[in-house]
Every structure is written in structure tokens, then in C-alpha cells.
Amino acid sequence: MSDRSQSRASLMLTGGVVTSGFRAALFAAANRAGMTVNEYVLHAAAERLQASGAAIDGLFHPGDLAGHNDNSPSSQRRLA
């Protein structure tokens, strides 16, 4: 999708019960990446969708998949 005027949509995920080791590794990886766990998981899903051929141009904002999250420098420039 190349429409830069896409609206934002809420996504609520619940019921994820995982092993304690997976949870610890996920929180550690998100922390190292400077993201919340939600941002980290959504970013990983977006990368996988793109790799499988999905035509998406953004996660939090159009064009932000090259950045890390809403706090990435490219996102901050868009918000300024």
C-alpha cells in the first residue's frame, strides 16, 4: 500500500501465555532495542509480513518500517 494517508487503527492482543524463559528473552530484546514489548512484537510481525510479500508501507506511520519505533529519528521528524 502506498497511500500515505492511511488512518491509524487500534490492535488489541490478549491471551498470550508463554514460558517464563521466552518472556524474559522478549523483554530483554525489547529493552536492548529501546522499544516497548508491544512495539517490538509488532515490528517483528511487520518485518515478517513484508518478507512474505505483504504490501504494507508502515507500522505506526507510513514509511516507518525502516526505523525502529515511534521514537525513531525518522518518526520524530514526521511528528515535528
N, C-alpha and C. Protein backbone atom coordinates (compact mmCIF):
# COMPACT_ATOMS: atom_id res chain seq x y z
N MET A 1 0.84 -1.17 0.00
CA MET A 1 0.00 0.00 0.00
C MET A 1 0.88 1.23 0.00
N SER A 2 0.63 2.15 -0.87
CA SER A 2 1.46 3.34 -0.91
C SER A 2 0.68 4.59 -0.52
N ASP A 3 -0.54 4.45 -0.05
CA ASP A 3 -1.35 5.58 0.36
C ASP A 3 -0.80 6.14 1.67
N ARG A 4 -0.23 7.32 1.61
CA ARG A 4 0.38 7.93 2.80
C ARG A 4 -0.65 8.51 3.77
N SER A 5 -1.94 8.44 3.45
CA SER A 5 -2.96 8.99 4.33
C SER A 5 -3.74 7.88 5.03
N GLN A 6 -3.12 6.74 5.27
CA GLN A 6 -3.78 5.65 5.96
C GLN A 6 -4.15 6.08 7.36
N SER A 7 -5.33 5.69 7.80
CA SER A 7 -5.73 6.01 9.16
C SER A 7 -5.08 5.04 10.13
N ARG A 8 -4.99 5.44 11.37
CA ARG A 8 -4.42 4.59 12.40
C ARG A 8 -5.53 3.71 12.95
N ALA A 9 -5.18 2.52 13.39
CA ALA A 9 -6.16 1.57 13.91
C ALA A 9 -5.61 0.91 15.17
N SER A 10 -6.47 0.70 16.13
CA SER A 10 -6.07 0.03 17.37
C SER A 10 -5.97 -1.47 17.12
N LEU A 11 -5.03 -2.09 17.80
CA LEU A 11 -4.85 -3.53 17.73
C LEU A 11 -4.67 -4.02 19.15
N MET A 12 -5.60 -4.83 19.61
CA MET A 12 -5.52 -5.33 20.98
C MET A 12 -5.34 -6.84 20.95
N LEU A 13 -4.24 -7.29 21.50
CA LEU A 13 -3.93 -8.70 21.56
C LEU A 13 -3.95 -9.15 23.02
N THR A 14 -4.63 -10.23 23.29
CA THR A 14 -4.69 -10.73 24.66
C THR A 14 -4.54 -12.25 24.66
N GLY A 15 -4.37 -12.80 25.81
CA GLY A 15 -4.36 -14.25 25.96
C GLY A 15 -3.05 -14.91 25.64
N GLY A 16 -1.98 -14.14 25.52
CA GLY A 16 -0.69 -14.74 25.21
C GLY A 16 -0.03 -15.30 26.45
N VAL A 17 -0.06 -16.60 26.62
CA VAL A 17 0.62 -17.25 27.74
C VAL A 17 1.83 -17.98 27.17
N VAL A 18 3.01 -17.60 27.66
CA VAL A 18 4.27 -18.13 27.13
C VAL A 18 5.10 -18.66 28.29
N THR A 19 6.21 -19.30 27.96
CA THR A 19 7.11 -19.76 29.01
C THR A 19 7.82 -18.57 29.64
N SER A 20 8.27 -18.75 30.84
CA SER A 20 8.96 -17.65 31.53
C SER A 20 10.28 -17.31 30.82
N GLY A 21 10.94 -18.32 30.25
CA GLY A 21 12.18 -18.06 29.51
C GLY A 21 11.95 -17.22 28.28
N PHE A 22 10.87 -17.52 27.54
CA PHE A 22 10.54 -16.72 26.35
C PHE A 22 10.22 -15.30 26.77
N ARG A 23 9.43 -15.15 27.82
CA ARG A 23 9.05 -13.81 28.30
C ARG A 23 10.29 -13.01 28.67
N ALA A 24 11.21 -13.62 29.41
CA ALA A 24 12.42 -12.92 29.82
C ALA A 24 13.26 -12.51 28.61
N ALA A 25 13.39 -13.41 27.64
CA ALA A 25 14.17 -13.10 26.44
C ALA A 25 13.50 -11.98 25.63
N LEU A 26 12.18 -12.00 25.54
CA LEU A 26 11.45 -10.97 24.81
C LEU A 26 11.61 -9.61 25.45
N PHE A 27 11.45 -9.54 26.77
CA PHE A 27 11.61 -8.26 27.45
C PHE A 27 13.04 -7.74 27.33
N ALA A 28 14.02 -8.63 27.42
CA ALA A 28 15.42 -8.22 27.29
C ALA A 28 15.71 -7.69 25.88
N ALA A 29 15.20 -8.38 24.87
CA ALA A 29 15.44 -7.94 23.48
C ALA A 29 14.76 -6.61 23.21
N ALA A 30 13.54 -6.44 23.69
CA ALA A 30 12.83 -5.17 23.50
C ALA A 30 13.58 -4.05 24.20
N ASN A 31 14.07 -4.30 25.38
CA ASN A 31 14.83 -3.30 26.12
C ASN A 31 16.11 -2.91 25.37
N ARG A 32 16.82 -3.89 24.85
CA ARG A 32 18.04 -3.61 24.08
C ARG A 32 17.74 -2.79 22.83
N ALA A 33 16.57 -3.02 22.24
CA ALA A 33 16.18 -2.30 21.03
C ALA A 33 15.59 -0.92 21.35
N GLY A 34 15.39 -0.62 22.63
CA GLY A 34 14.82 0.67 23.02
C GLY A 34 13.34 0.78 22.69
N MET A 35 12.64 -0.35 22.73
CA MET A 35 11.22 -0.39 22.40
C MET A 35 10.43 -0.97 23.56
N THR A 36 9.14 -0.71 23.55
CA THR A 36 8.26 -1.44 24.45
C THR A 36 8.12 -2.85 23.89
N VAL A 37 7.66 -3.77 24.72
CA VAL A 37 7.45 -5.14 24.24
C VAL A 37 6.42 -5.14 23.11
N ASN A 38 5.35 -4.36 23.25
CA ASN A 38 4.34 -4.30 22.18
C ASN A 38 4.95 -3.82 20.88
N GLU A 39 5.74 -2.74 20.92
CA GLU A 39 6.38 -2.23 19.71
C GLU A 39 7.30 -3.28 19.10
N TYR A 40 8.05 -3.96 19.94
CA TYR A 40 9.00 -4.97 19.46
C TYR A 40 8.27 -6.10 18.74
N VAL A 41 7.21 -6.61 19.36
CA VAL A 41 6.44 -7.71 18.77
C VAL A 41 5.77 -7.27 17.47
N LEU A 42 5.18 -6.08 17.46
CA LEU A 42 4.52 -5.59 16.25
C LEU A 42 5.53 -5.35 15.14
N HIS A 43 6.71 -4.83 15.48
CA HIS A 43 7.74 -4.60 14.48
C HIS A 43 8.20 -5.93 13.87
N ALA A 44 8.38 -6.95 14.71
CA ALA A 44 8.78 -8.27 14.21
C ALA A 44 7.71 -8.84 13.29
N ALA A 45 6.45 -8.67 13.66
CA ALA A 45 5.35 -9.16 12.81
C ALA A 45 5.33 -8.41 11.48
N ALA A 46 5.56 -7.10 11.51
CA ALA A 46 5.57 -6.31 10.27
C ALA A 46 6.70 -6.75 9.36
N GLU A 47 7.88 -7.00 9.93
CA GLU A 47 9.01 -7.47 9.13
C GLU A 47 8.68 -8.81 8.48
N ARG A 48 8.05 -9.68 9.23
CA ARG A 48 7.69 -11.00 8.69
C ARG A 48 6.63 -10.87 7.60
N LEU A 49 5.66 -10.00 7.80
CA LEU A 49 4.65 -9.77 6.77
C LEU A 49 5.28 -9.25 5.48
N GLN A 50 6.19 -8.29 5.61
CA GLN A 50 6.87 -7.76 4.42
C GLN A 50 7.68 -8.86 3.73
N ALA A 51 8.37 -9.67 4.52
CA ALA A 51 9.18 -10.75 3.95
C ALA A 51 8.34 -11.77 3.19
N SER A 52 7.08 -11.91 3.62
CA SER A 52 6.19 -12.87 2.95
C SER A 52 5.44 -12.23 1.79
N GLY A 53 5.75 -10.96 1.49
CA GLY A 53 5.17 -10.30 0.33
C GLY A 53 4.00 -9.38 0.59
N ALA A 54 3.65 -9.16 1.86
CA ALA A 54 2.55 -8.25 2.16
C ALA A 54 2.93 -6.83 1.77
N ALA A 55 2.03 -6.13 1.15
CA ALA A 55 2.29 -4.76 0.69
C ALA A 55 1.87 -3.77 1.76
N ILE A 56 2.69 -3.63 2.79
CA ILE A 56 2.44 -2.64 3.84
C ILE A 56 3.57 -1.64 3.81
N ASP A 57 3.24 -0.38 4.04
CA ASP A 57 4.29 0.64 3.96
C ASP A 57 4.57 1.28 5.30
N GLY A 58 3.92 0.81 6.34
CA GLY A 58 4.19 1.39 7.64
C GLY A 58 3.57 0.58 8.75
N LEU A 59 4.09 0.79 9.93
CA LEU A 59 3.58 0.12 11.11
C LEU A 59 2.84 1.11 11.99
N PHE A 60 3.56 2.09 12.52
CA PHE A 60 2.94 3.13 13.33
C PHE A 60 2.58 4.35 12.48
N HIS A 61 3.39 4.58 11.43
CA HIS A 61 3.18 5.67 10.47
C HIS A 61 3.64 5.18 9.11
N PRO A 62 3.04 5.65 8.03
CA PRO A 62 3.52 5.24 6.71
C PRO A 62 5.01 5.52 6.56
N GLY A 63 5.75 4.54 6.10
CA GLY A 63 7.17 4.70 5.85
C GLY A 63 8.08 4.45 7.03
N ASP A 64 7.55 4.04 8.17
CA ASP A 64 8.40 3.91 9.36
C ASP A 64 9.01 2.53 9.56
N LEU A 65 8.80 1.61 8.67
CA LEU A 65 9.34 0.28 8.89
C LEU A 65 10.85 0.23 8.79
N ALA A 66 11.47 1.22 8.18
CA ALA A 66 12.93 1.27 8.15
C ALA A 66 13.47 1.74 9.49
N GLY A 67 12.65 2.45 10.28
CA GLY A 67 13.04 2.90 11.61
C GLY A 67 12.74 1.83 12.64
N HIS A 68 12.96 2.13 13.88
CA HIS A 68 12.76 1.13 14.93
C HIS A 68 11.39 1.20 15.57
N ASN A 69 10.89 2.42 15.84
CA ASN A 69 9.60 2.55 16.51
C ASN A 69 9.13 3.99 16.42
N ASP A 70 8.08 4.33 17.16
CA ASP A 70 7.57 5.70 17.14
C ASP A 70 8.61 6.71 17.59
N ASN A 71 9.63 6.28 18.30
CA ASN A 71 10.64 7.18 18.81
C ASN A 71 11.88 7.24 17.92
N SER A 72 11.82 6.58 16.76
CA SER A 72 12.96 6.61 15.87
C SER A 72 13.13 8.02 15.30
N PRO A 73 14.34 8.40 14.90
CA PRO A 73 14.56 9.75 14.36
C PRO A 73 13.66 10.06 13.16
N SER A 74 13.41 9.06 12.29
CA SER A 74 12.56 9.33 11.13
C SER A 74 11.12 9.60 11.56
N SER A 75 10.64 8.90 12.59
CA SER A 75 9.29 9.15 13.09
C SER A 75 9.22 10.50 13.76
N GLN A 76 10.26 10.87 14.52
CA GLN A 76 10.27 12.16 15.20
C GLN A 76 10.23 13.30 14.20
N ARG A 77 10.92 13.17 13.07
CA ARG A 77 10.88 14.21 12.04
C ARG A 77 9.47 14.37 11.50
N ARG A 78 8.76 13.27 11.31
CA ARG A 78 7.39 13.33 10.80
C ARG A 78 6.45 13.99 11.79
N LEU A 79 6.72 13.78 13.09
CA LEU A 79 5.84 14.32 14.11
C LEU A 79 6.11 15.78 14.40
N ALA A 80 7.30 16.28 14.04
CA ALA A 80 7.68 17.67 14.34
C ALA A 80 6.95 18.65 13.45
